[in-house]
Amino acid sequence: MSDPAPLDLGADRSLLLVDDDEPFVKRLAKAMEKRGFLPETAESVAAGKVAAMTRPPAYAVVDLRLLDGNGLDVVEVLRDRRPDCRIVVLTGYGTIATAVAAVKIGATDYLSKPADANDITNALLQRGDTHPAPPENPMSADRVRWEHIQRVFEMCDRNVSETARRLSMHRRTLQRILAKRSPK
């Protein structure tokens, strides 16, 4: 695979990546550096806020759910410290409500995981009223269903009975679904 073409990032190429998944954030930092960004990483809300306060970046990618809180707290600090910062909220637990909240407090875009460096770069550099292109490999309906069940399961602290109740599903049916591998 060849290196991506140089991008017009402007004079300030600083990028803050806030995600508590250490392997993911390190891979993303390397990929973004190859694209011309100058990445700095943080693995918590607290570290993200400190970085945003002391060195407000031109670009930021912030995970919504972090071990020590909500990534939207970092977005608010970024917006206060640097109103022109291009911010993408990235999450594996996307809902319409959180997407609306992220955009209302100043996120430029909102992406669901799994998102790759190309998706993130396109979202960071998106300008004007143009809409992003649809994904090349959208999730199948089975995969979307699986992701939704997993998200609710995690929200219920991995409690099968509570998850089944919220999904209006029989507990045994849910157990069978959870025992299977995720669809492609």
N, C-alpha and C. Protein backbone atom coordinates (compact mmCIF):
# COMPACT_ATOMS: atom_id res chain seq x y z
N MET A 1 0.84 -1.18 0.00
CA MET A 1 0.00 0.00 0.00
C MET A 1 0.88 1.23 0.00
N SER A 2 0.61 2.18 -0.87
CA SER A 2 1.42 3.39 -0.96
C SER A 2 0.96 4.41 0.06
N ASP A 3 1.87 5.35 0.35
CA ASP A 3 1.52 6.41 1.28
C ASP A 3 0.48 7.31 0.64
N PRO A 4 -0.44 7.85 1.46
CA PRO A 4 -1.45 8.75 0.92
C PRO A 4 -0.82 10.02 0.38
N ALA A 5 -1.49 10.65 -0.57
CA ALA A 5 -1.01 11.91 -1.13
C ALA A 5 -1.03 12.99 -0.06
N PRO A 6 -0.08 13.95 -0.15
CA PRO A 6 -0.08 15.04 0.84
C PRO A 6 -1.39 15.83 0.78
N LEU A 7 -1.85 16.22 1.93
CA LEU A 7 -3.11 16.94 2.03
C LEU A 7 -2.86 18.40 2.38
N ASP A 8 -3.79 19.26 2.03
CA ASP A 8 -3.70 20.67 2.40
C ASP A 8 -4.32 20.83 3.79
N LEU A 9 -3.48 20.79 4.81
CA LEU A 9 -3.95 20.85 6.18
C LEU A 9 -3.87 22.26 6.77
N GLY A 10 -3.28 23.17 6.04
CA GLY A 10 -3.11 24.52 6.56
C GLY A 10 -1.80 24.64 7.32
N ALA A 11 -1.56 25.82 7.89
CA ALA A 11 -0.31 26.07 8.59
C ALA A 11 -0.21 25.28 9.89
N ASP A 12 -1.32 25.13 10.59
CA ASP A 12 -1.32 24.40 11.86
C ASP A 12 -1.82 22.98 11.60
N ARG A 13 -0.94 22.01 11.74
CA ARG A 13 -1.29 20.61 11.46
C ARG A 13 -1.48 19.80 12.74
N SER A 14 -1.63 20.48 13.88
CA SER A 14 -1.76 19.80 15.16
C SER A 14 -3.07 19.01 15.24
N LEU A 15 -2.98 17.81 15.80
CA LEU A 15 -4.12 16.91 15.90
C LEU A 15 -4.11 16.24 17.26
N LEU A 16 -5.22 16.33 17.97
CA LEU A 16 -5.36 15.66 19.26
C LEU A 16 -6.25 14.44 19.06
N LEU A 17 -5.75 13.27 19.46
CA LEU A 17 -6.50 12.02 19.40
C LEU A 17 -6.80 11.57 20.82
N VAL A 18 -8.07 11.47 21.17
CA VAL A 18 -8.46 11.08 22.53
C VAL A 18 -9.27 9.78 22.43
N ASP A 19 -8.67 8.69 22.90
CA ASP A 19 -9.32 7.38 22.86
C ASP A 19 -8.64 6.49 23.90
N ASP A 20 -9.44 5.70 24.64
CA ASP A 20 -8.85 4.85 25.68
C ASP A 20 -8.43 3.48 25.16
N ASP A 21 -8.58 3.23 23.87
CA ASP A 21 -8.11 2.00 23.25
C ASP A 21 -6.69 2.25 22.76
N GLU A 22 -5.70 1.91 23.60
CA GLU A 22 -4.31 2.27 23.32
C GLU A 22 -3.80 1.76 21.96
N PRO A 23 -4.01 0.48 21.61
CA PRO A 23 -3.52 0.04 20.30
C PRO A 23 -4.16 0.81 19.14
N PHE A 24 -5.46 1.08 19.24
CA PHE A 24 -6.16 1.82 18.19
C PHE A 24 -5.60 3.23 18.06
N VAL A 25 -5.45 3.93 19.17
CA VAL A 25 -5.01 5.32 19.10
C VAL A 25 -3.57 5.42 18.60
N LYS A 26 -2.73 4.44 18.92
CA LYS A 26 -1.35 4.45 18.40
C LYS A 26 -1.32 4.22 16.89
N ARG A 27 -2.14 3.25 16.42
CA ARG A 27 -2.21 2.99 14.97
C ARG A 27 -2.75 4.22 14.24
N LEU A 28 -3.79 4.82 14.81
CA LEU A 28 -4.38 5.99 14.18
C LEU A 28 -3.38 7.15 14.15
N ALA A 29 -2.63 7.34 15.22
CA ALA A 29 -1.63 8.42 15.26
C ALA A 29 -0.59 8.23 14.15
N LYS A 30 -0.13 7.01 13.95
CA LYS A 30 0.85 6.74 12.89
C LYS A 30 0.25 7.01 11.52
N ALA A 31 -0.98 6.55 11.32
CA ALA A 31 -1.64 6.76 10.02
C ALA A 31 -1.86 8.25 9.75
N MET A 32 -2.24 9.00 10.77
CA MET A 32 -2.50 10.42 10.59
C MET A 32 -1.19 11.19 10.38
N GLU A 33 -0.14 10.73 11.02
CA GLU A 33 1.18 11.35 10.82
C GLU A 33 1.62 11.18 9.37
N LYS A 34 1.36 10.02 8.78
CA LYS A 34 1.69 9.77 7.37
C LYS A 34 0.92 10.70 6.45
N ARG A 35 -0.23 11.17 6.91
CA ARG A 35 -1.06 12.07 6.11
C ARG A 35 -0.67 13.54 6.32
N GLY A 36 0.31 13.78 7.17
CA GLY A 36 0.81 15.15 7.35
C GLY A 36 0.40 15.82 8.65
N PHE A 37 -0.42 15.17 9.47
CA PHE A 37 -0.81 15.74 10.75
C PHE A 37 0.33 15.60 11.77
N LEU A 38 0.26 16.39 12.81
CA LEU A 38 1.19 16.28 13.94
C LEU A 38 0.38 15.83 15.15
N PRO A 39 0.23 14.50 15.31
CA PRO A 39 -0.68 13.99 16.34
C PRO A 39 -0.11 13.99 17.75
N GLU A 40 -1.01 14.21 18.69
CA GLU A 40 -0.75 14.05 20.12
C GLU A 40 -1.89 13.17 20.62
N THR A 41 -1.57 12.22 21.51
CA THR A 41 -2.62 11.32 21.99
C THR A 41 -2.91 11.53 23.47
N ALA A 42 -4.14 11.21 23.83
CA ALA A 42 -4.57 11.22 25.23
C ALA A 42 -5.52 10.04 25.38
N GLU A 43 -5.47 9.36 26.53
CA GLU A 43 -6.27 8.16 26.71
C GLU A 43 -7.36 8.31 27.76
N SER A 44 -7.69 9.56 28.12
CA SER A 44 -8.75 9.78 29.11
C SER A 44 -9.33 11.18 28.91
N VAL A 45 -10.49 11.40 29.52
CA VAL A 45 -11.10 12.72 29.50
C VAL A 45 -10.16 13.72 30.16
N ALA A 46 -9.60 13.35 31.30
CA ALA A 46 -8.71 14.26 32.04
C ALA A 46 -7.50 14.65 31.20
N ALA A 47 -6.84 13.68 30.58
CA ALA A 47 -5.66 13.97 29.76
C ALA A 47 -6.05 14.77 28.51
N GLY A 48 -7.21 14.46 27.94
CA GLY A 48 -7.69 15.20 26.78
C GLY A 48 -7.96 16.66 27.11
N LYS A 49 -8.56 16.90 28.28
CA LYS A 49 -8.83 18.28 28.70
C LYS A 49 -7.53 19.05 28.92
N VAL A 50 -6.55 18.41 29.55
CA VAL A 50 -5.26 19.07 29.79
C VAL A 50 -4.61 19.45 28.46
N ALA A 51 -4.60 18.51 27.52
CA ALA A 51 -4.01 18.79 26.20
C ALA A 51 -4.77 19.91 25.50
N ALA A 52 -6.09 19.89 25.59
CA ALA A 52 -6.91 20.92 24.94
C ALA A 52 -6.67 22.30 25.56
N MET A 53 -6.45 22.33 26.87
CA MET A 53 -6.23 23.61 27.56
C MET A 53 -4.84 24.17 27.28
N THR A 54 -3.83 23.29 27.30
CA THR A 54 -2.46 23.77 27.17
C THR A 54 -2.00 23.93 25.73
N ARG A 55 -2.47 23.06 24.85
CA ARG A 55 -2.06 23.11 23.45
C ARG A 55 -3.27 22.87 22.54
N PRO A 56 -4.20 23.83 22.46
CA PRO A 56 -5.41 23.62 21.65
C PRO A 56 -5.05 23.33 20.19
N PRO A 57 -5.45 22.17 19.67
CA PRO A 57 -5.05 21.77 18.32
C PRO A 57 -5.98 22.36 17.24
N ALA A 58 -5.52 22.26 16.01
CA ALA A 58 -6.34 22.67 14.87
C ALA A 58 -7.37 21.60 14.53
N TYR A 59 -7.03 20.34 14.86
CA TYR A 59 -7.89 19.19 14.57
C TYR A 59 -7.96 18.29 15.80
N ALA A 60 -9.09 17.59 15.95
CA ALA A 60 -9.22 16.65 17.07
C ALA A 60 -10.16 15.50 16.69
N VAL A 61 -9.83 14.33 17.21
CA VAL A 61 -10.69 13.15 17.10
C VAL A 61 -10.90 12.66 18.52
N VAL A 62 -12.15 12.63 18.97
CA VAL A 62 -12.45 12.31 20.36
C VAL A 62 -13.43 11.16 20.43
N ASP A 63 -13.06 10.12 21.18
CA ASP A 63 -13.96 9.00 21.40
C ASP A 63 -15.05 9.46 22.37
N LEU A 64 -16.26 8.99 22.14
CA LEU A 64 -17.40 9.41 22.97
C LEU A 64 -17.33 8.81 24.37
N ARG A 65 -17.11 7.50 24.45
CA ARG A 65 -17.10 6.82 25.75
C ARG A 65 -15.67 6.49 26.15
N LEU A 66 -15.24 7.13 27.21
CA LEU A 66 -13.90 6.89 27.76
C LEU A 66 -14.06 6.34 29.17
N LEU A 67 -13.03 5.68 29.64
CA LEU A 67 -13.12 5.03 30.96
C LEU A 67 -13.47 6.01 32.08
N ASP A 68 -12.97 7.23 31.97
CA ASP A 68 -13.21 8.19 33.05
C ASP A 68 -14.31 9.20 32.74
N GLY A 69 -15.12 8.94 31.71
CA GLY A 69 -16.22 9.87 31.45
C GLY A 69 -16.60 9.97 30.00
N ASN A 70 -17.20 11.10 29.65
CA ASN A 70 -17.76 11.34 28.34
C ASN A 70 -16.83 12.24 27.53
N GLY A 71 -16.52 11.81 26.31
CA GLY A 71 -15.64 12.58 25.44
C GLY A 71 -16.20 13.95 25.07
N LEU A 72 -17.52 14.12 25.20
CA LEU A 72 -18.10 15.42 24.89
C LEU A 72 -17.58 16.51 25.83
N ASP A 73 -17.12 16.12 27.01
CA ASP A 73 -16.50 17.09 27.92
C ASP A 73 -15.22 17.66 27.31
N VAL A 74 -14.48 16.83 26.59
CA VAL A 74 -13.25 17.29 25.91
C VAL A 74 -13.64 18.20 24.74
N VAL A 75 -14.70 17.84 24.02
CA VAL A 75 -15.16 18.66 22.89
C VAL A 75 -15.51 20.07 23.37
N GLU A 76 -16.18 20.18 24.51
CA GLU A 76 -16.54 21.50 25.04
C GLU A 76 -15.30 22.34 25.35
N VAL A 77 -14.29 21.73 25.95
CA VAL A 77 -13.05 22.45 26.26
C VAL A 77 -12.36 22.89 24.96
N LEU A 78 -12.31 21.97 23.98
CA LEU A 78 -11.69 22.31 22.70
C LEU A 78 -12.41 23.49 22.05
N ARG A 79 -13.73 23.47 22.06
CA ARG A 79 -14.51 24.53 21.43
C ARG A 79 -14.29 25.86 22.15
N ASP A 80 -14.18 25.83 23.49
CA ASP A 80 -13.92 27.06 24.25
C ASP A 80 -12.53 27.62 23.98
N ARG A 81 -11.54 26.73 23.95
CA ARG A 81 -10.15 27.16 23.80
C ARG A 81 -9.78 27.50 22.36
N ARG A 82 -10.40 26.80 21.41
CA ARG A 82 -10.07 27.04 19.99
C ARG A 82 -11.32 26.84 19.14
N PRO A 83 -12.09 27.92 18.96
CA PRO A 83 -13.36 27.83 18.24
C PRO A 83 -13.25 27.30 16.81
N ASP A 84 -12.09 27.45 16.16
CA ASP A 84 -11.94 26.98 14.77
C ASP A 84 -11.45 25.54 14.67
N CYS A 85 -11.31 24.86 15.79
CA CYS A 85 -10.85 23.47 15.80
C CYS A 85 -11.86 22.58 15.06
N ARG A 86 -11.36 21.73 14.18
CA ARG A 86 -12.21 20.77 13.46
C ARG A 86 -12.25 19.50 14.30
N ILE A 87 -13.41 19.15 14.84
CA ILE A 87 -13.53 18.05 15.80
C ILE A 87 -14.43 16.95 15.23
N VAL A 88 -13.91 15.73 15.28
CA VAL A 88 -14.70 14.56 14.90
C VAL A 88 -14.90 13.70 16.14
N VAL A 89 -16.14 13.38 16.45
CA VAL A 89 -16.45 12.48 17.56
C VAL A 89 -16.55 11.08 16.97
N LEU A 90 -15.85 10.15 17.58
CA LEU A 90 -15.77 8.78 17.11
C LEU A 90 -16.32 7.87 18.19
N THR A 91 -17.21 6.95 17.82
CA THR A 91 -17.77 6.09 18.85
C THR A 91 -18.22 4.75 18.31
N GLY A 92 -18.16 3.77 19.16
CA GLY A 92 -18.70 2.45 18.86
C GLY A 92 -20.11 2.30 19.40
N TYR A 93 -20.61 3.34 20.06
CA TYR A 93 -21.92 3.30 20.70
C TYR A 93 -22.79 4.43 20.18
N GLY A 94 -22.82 4.59 18.87
CA GLY A 94 -23.51 5.73 18.28
C GLY A 94 -25.02 5.65 18.37
N THR A 95 -25.62 6.78 18.71
CA THR A 95 -27.06 6.93 18.67
C THR A 95 -27.35 8.30 18.07
N ILE A 96 -28.57 8.48 17.62
CA ILE A 96 -28.94 9.77 17.06
C ILE A 96 -28.83 10.86 18.12
N ALA A 97 -29.22 10.54 19.34
CA ALA A 97 -29.17 11.53 20.43
C ALA A 97 -27.75 12.00 20.70
N THR A 98 -26.79 11.08 20.74
CA THR A 98 -25.41 11.49 21.01
C THR A 98 -24.82 12.23 19.81
N ALA A 99 -25.22 11.86 18.59
CA ALA A 99 -24.74 12.58 17.41
C ALA A 99 -25.23 14.03 17.43
N VAL A 100 -26.49 14.21 17.76
CA VAL A 100 -27.06 15.56 17.84
C VAL A 100 -26.36 16.36 18.94
N ALA A 101 -26.16 15.74 20.10
CA ALA A 101 -25.48 16.43 21.21
C ALA A 101 -24.07 16.84 20.82
N ALA A 102 -23.35 15.95 20.13
CA ALA A 102 -21.97 16.25 19.72
C ALA A 102 -21.93 17.44 18.76
N VAL A 103 -22.83 17.45 17.79
CA VAL A 103 -22.85 18.53 16.81
C VAL A 103 -23.29 19.85 17.47
N LYS A 104 -24.25 19.78 18.39
CA LYS A 104 -24.72 20.98 19.08
C LYS A 104 -23.61 21.66 19.87
N ILE A 105 -22.72 20.88 20.48
CA ILE A 105 -21.66 21.51 21.28
C ILE A 105 -20.41 21.81 20.46
N GLY A 106 -20.45 21.53 19.15
CA GLY A 106 -19.37 22.00 18.30
C GLY A 106 -18.59 20.97 17.53
N ALA A 107 -18.97 19.70 17.55
CA ALA A 107 -18.26 18.72 16.73
C ALA A 107 -18.54 18.99 15.26
N THR A 108 -17.54 18.82 14.44
CA THR A 108 -17.67 19.01 13.01
C THR A 108 -18.38 17.82 12.38
N ASP A 109 -18.09 16.62 12.89
CA ASP A 109 -18.67 15.40 12.36
C ASP A 109 -18.72 14.35 13.45
N TYR A 110 -19.39 13.26 13.13
CA TYR A 110 -19.63 12.18 14.08
C TYR A 110 -19.52 10.88 13.30
N LEU A 111 -18.58 10.02 13.67
CA LEU A 111 -18.38 8.76 12.95
C LEU A 111 -18.55 7.58 13.89
N SER A 112 -19.13 6.52 13.37
CA SER A 112 -19.24 5.29 14.14
C SER A 112 -18.04 4.40 13.87
N LYS A 113 -17.58 3.71 14.91
CA LYS A 113 -16.52 2.73 14.72
C LYS A 113 -17.13 1.50 14.10
N PRO A 114 -16.46 0.76 13.29
CA PRO A 114 -15.06 0.96 12.92
C PRO A 114 -14.94 2.00 11.82
N ALA A 115 -14.10 2.98 12.03
CA ALA A 115 -13.78 3.99 11.03
C ALA A 115 -12.28 3.94 10.82
N ASP A 116 -11.85 4.03 9.58
CA ASP A 116 -10.41 3.99 9.34
C ASP A 116 -9.85 5.40 9.18
N ALA A 117 -8.54 5.48 8.99
CA ALA A 117 -7.88 6.79 8.90
C ALA A 117 -8.40 7.61 7.74
N ASN A 118 -8.77 6.95 6.64
CA ASN A 118 -9.32 7.70 5.50
C ASN A 118 -10.66 8.34 5.84
N ASP A 119 -11.53 7.57 6.51
CA ASP A 119 -12.83 8.12 6.92
C ASP A 119 -12.63 9.32 7.84
N ILE A 120 -11.73 9.18 8.78
CA ILE A 120 -11.47 10.24 9.76
C ILE A 120 -10.87 11.47 9.09
N THR A 121 -9.90 11.25 8.20
CA THR A 121 -9.29 12.37 7.48
C THR A 121 -10.33 13.11 6.66
N ASN A 122 -11.17 12.37 5.94
CA ASN A 122 -12.23 13.01 5.12
C ASN A 122 -13.17 13.83 6.01
N ALA A 123 -13.52 13.30 7.16
CA ALA A 123 -14.42 14.03 8.07
C ALA A 123 -13.74 15.29 8.61
N LEU A 124 -12.46 15.20 8.95
CA LEU A 124 -11.74 16.36 9.48
C LEU A 124 -11.60 17.47 8.44
N LEU A 125 -11.44 17.09 7.18
CA LEU A 125 -11.18 18.07 6.13
C LEU A 125 -12.42 18.50 5.37
N GLN A 126 -13.56 17.93 5.72
CA GLN A 126 -14.83 18.25 5.06
C GLN A 126 -15.14 19.74 5.25
N ARG A 127 -15.43 20.43 4.18
CA ARG A 127 -15.74 21.86 4.25
C ARG A 127 -17.06 22.15 3.58
N GLY A 128 -17.71 23.19 4.02
CA GLY A 128 -18.90 23.68 3.35
C GLY A 128 -20.11 22.79 3.51
N ASP A 129 -21.00 22.90 2.54
CA ASP A 129 -22.27 22.17 2.59
C ASP A 129 -22.24 20.84 1.86
N THR A 130 -21.07 20.44 1.38
CA THR A 130 -21.01 19.17 0.67
C THR A 130 -21.19 18.03 1.65
N HIS A 131 -21.87 17.00 1.19
CA HIS A 131 -22.11 15.83 2.03
C HIS A 131 -21.04 14.79 1.76
N PRO A 132 -20.61 14.07 2.79
CA PRO A 132 -19.60 13.04 2.56
C PRO A 132 -20.17 11.92 1.69
N ALA A 133 -19.27 11.27 0.98
CA ALA A 133 -19.69 10.14 0.14
C ALA A 133 -20.15 8.99 1.03
N PRO A 134 -21.08 8.19 0.55
CA PRO A 134 -21.51 7.04 1.35
C PRO A 134 -20.34 6.07 1.52
N PRO A 135 -20.35 5.28 2.57
CA PRO A 135 -19.24 4.36 2.80
C PRO A 135 -19.14 3.33 1.68
N GLU A 136 -17.90 2.93 1.35
CA GLU A 136 -17.70 1.94 0.30
C GLU A 136 -18.21 0.57 0.72
N ASN A 137 -18.04 0.23 1.98
CA ASN A 137 -18.46 -1.07 2.48
C ASN A 137 -19.41 -0.88 3.67
N PRO A 138 -20.67 -0.54 3.38
CA PRO A 138 -21.60 -0.33 4.51
C PRO A 138 -21.85 -1.65 5.23
N MET A 139 -22.22 -1.53 6.51
CA MET A 139 -22.51 -2.72 7.30
C MET A 139 -23.77 -3.40 6.78
N SER A 140 -23.78 -4.72 6.83
CA SER A 140 -24.96 -5.47 6.43
C SER A 140 -26.05 -5.27 7.49
N ALA A 141 -27.28 -5.60 7.14
CA ALA A 141 -28.38 -5.49 8.09
C ALA A 141 -28.14 -6.39 9.30
N ASP A 142 -27.59 -7.58 9.06
CA ASP A 142 -27.28 -8.48 10.18
C ASP A 142 -26.23 -7.88 11.09
N ARG A 143 -25.24 -7.21 10.50
CA ARG A 143 -24.19 -6.58 11.31
C ARG A 143 -24.76 -5.41 12.12
N VAL A 144 -25.63 -4.62 11.51
CA VAL A 144 -26.25 -3.49 12.22
C VAL A 144 -27.05 -4.01 13.42
N ARG A 145 -27.82 -5.07 13.20
CA ARG A 145 -28.60 -5.69 14.29
C ARG A 145 -27.67 -6.17 15.39
N TRP A 146 -26.59 -6.86 15.01
CA TRP A 146 -25.60 -7.36 15.97
C TRP A 146 -25.00 -6.20 16.78
N GLU A 147 -24.61 -5.12 16.11
CA GLU A 147 -24.01 -3.96 16.78
C GLU A 147 -25.01 -3.36 17.78
N HIS A 148 -26.27 -3.26 17.38
CA HIS A 148 -27.28 -2.69 18.27
C HIS A 148 -27.46 -3.57 19.51
N ILE A 149 -27.54 -4.87 19.32
CA ILE A 149 -27.69 -5.78 20.45
C ILE A 149 -26.48 -5.67 21.37
N GLN A 150 -25.27 -5.61 20.81
CA GLN A 150 -24.06 -5.49 21.62
C GLN A 150 -24.04 -4.18 22.40
N ARG A 151 -24.47 -3.10 21.75
CA ARG A 151 -24.50 -1.79 22.42
C ARG A 151 -25.45 -1.81 23.61
N VAL A 152 -26.65 -2.37 23.41
CA VAL A 152 -27.63 -2.44 24.51
C VAL A 152 -27.10 -3.37 25.61
N PHE A 153 -26.49 -4.48 25.23
CA PHE A 153 -25.90 -5.42 26.18
C PHE A 153 -24.85 -4.72 27.06
N GLU A 154 -24.00 -3.91 26.44
CA GLU A 154 -22.99 -3.16 27.20
C GLU A 154 -23.63 -2.10 28.09
N MET A 155 -24.67 -1.43 27.57
CA MET A 155 -25.36 -0.41 28.37
C MET A 155 -26.02 -1.01 29.61
N CYS A 156 -26.38 -2.29 29.51
CA CYS A 156 -27.01 -3.00 30.63
C CYS A 156 -25.96 -3.72 31.47
N ASP A 157 -24.72 -3.30 31.37
CA ASP A 157 -23.61 -3.91 32.12
C ASP A 157 -23.54 -5.42 31.91
N ARG A 158 -23.78 -5.85 30.67
CA ARG A 158 -23.67 -7.24 30.25
C ARG A 158 -24.66 -8.15 31.00
N ASN A 159 -25.79 -7.60 31.39
CA ASN A 159 -26.85 -8.36 32.06
C ASN A 159 -27.81 -8.86 30.99
N VAL A 160 -27.82 -10.18 30.77
CA VAL A 160 -28.63 -10.77 29.71
C VAL A 160 -30.12 -10.53 29.93
N SER A 161 -30.60 -10.73 31.15
CA SER A 161 -32.04 -10.57 31.41
C SER A 161 -32.50 -9.14 31.16
N GLU A 162 -31.74 -8.16 31.64
CA GLU A 162 -32.10 -6.76 31.43
C GLU A 162 -32.03 -6.39 29.95
N THR A 163 -31.01 -6.88 29.26
CA THR A 163 -30.88 -6.61 27.83
C THR A 163 -32.06 -7.19 27.07
N ALA A 164 -32.42 -8.42 27.37
CA ALA A 164 -33.56 -9.07 26.70
C ALA A 164 -34.85 -8.28 26.95
N ARG A 165 -35.03 -7.80 28.17
CA ARG A 165 -36.22 -7.02 28.49
C ARG A 165 -36.26 -5.74 27.66
N ARG A 166 -35.13 -5.03 27.59
CA ARG A 166 -35.09 -3.77 26.84
C ARG A 166 -35.28 -3.98 25.34
N LEU A 167 -34.83 -5.12 24.84
CA LEU A 167 -34.95 -5.40 23.41
C LEU A 167 -36.25 -6.13 23.07
N SER A 168 -37.09 -6.36 24.09
CA SER A 168 -38.34 -7.11 23.90
C SER A 168 -38.07 -8.45 23.21
N MET A 169 -37.12 -9.16 23.79
CA MET A 169 -36.66 -10.41 23.21
C MET A 169 -36.62 -11.47 24.31
N HIS A 170 -36.85 -12.70 23.96
CA HIS A 170 -36.74 -13.77 24.96
C HIS A 170 -35.28 -13.93 25.36
N ARG A 171 -35.07 -14.17 26.65
CA ARG A 171 -33.71 -14.28 27.19
C ARG A 171 -32.90 -15.37 26.49
N ARG A 172 -33.50 -16.51 26.25
CA ARG A 172 -32.77 -17.61 25.61
C ARG A 172 -32.40 -17.27 24.16
N THR A 173 -33.28 -16.57 23.49
CA THR A 173 -32.98 -16.14 22.12
C THR A 173 -31.77 -15.20 22.13
N LEU A 174 -31.76 -14.27 23.07
CA LEU A 174 -30.64 -13.36 23.19
C LEU A 174 -29.35 -14.12 23.51
N GLN A 175 -29.42 -15.09 24.41
CA GLN A 175 -28.23 -15.87 24.75
C GLN A 175 -27.67 -16.58 23.51
N ARG A 176 -28.54 -17.14 22.66
CA ARG A 176 -28.08 -17.80 21.43
C ARG A 176 -27.39 -16.78 20.50
N ILE A 177 -27.98 -15.60 20.38
CA ILE A 177 -27.40 -14.56 19.52
C ILE A 177 -26.03 -14.15 20.04
N LEU A 178 -25.92 -13.95 21.35
CA LEU A 178 -24.66 -13.52 21.94
C LEU A 178 -23.58 -14.59 21.86
N ALA A 179 -23.98 -15.86 21.80
CA ALA A 179 -23.01 -16.95 21.73
C ALA A 179 -22.39 -17.09 20.34
N LYS A 180 -23.05 -16.53 19.31
CA LYS A 180 -22.55 -16.64 17.95
C LYS A 180 -21.52 -15.54 17.66
N ARG A 181 -20.72 -15.79 16.63
CA ARG A 181 -19.77 -14.77 16.18
C ARG A 181 -20.53 -13.64 15.50
N SER A 182 -19.89 -12.48 15.45
CA SER A 182 -20.54 -11.35 14.78
C SER A 182 -20.57 -11.57 13.27
N PRO A 183 -21.66 -11.13 12.62
CA PRO A 183 -21.74 -11.26 11.16
C PRO A 183 -20.80 -10.28 10.48
N LYS A 184 -20.47 -10.55 9.25
CA LYS A 184 -19.57 -9.67 8.47
C LYS A 184 -20.33 -8.50 7.93
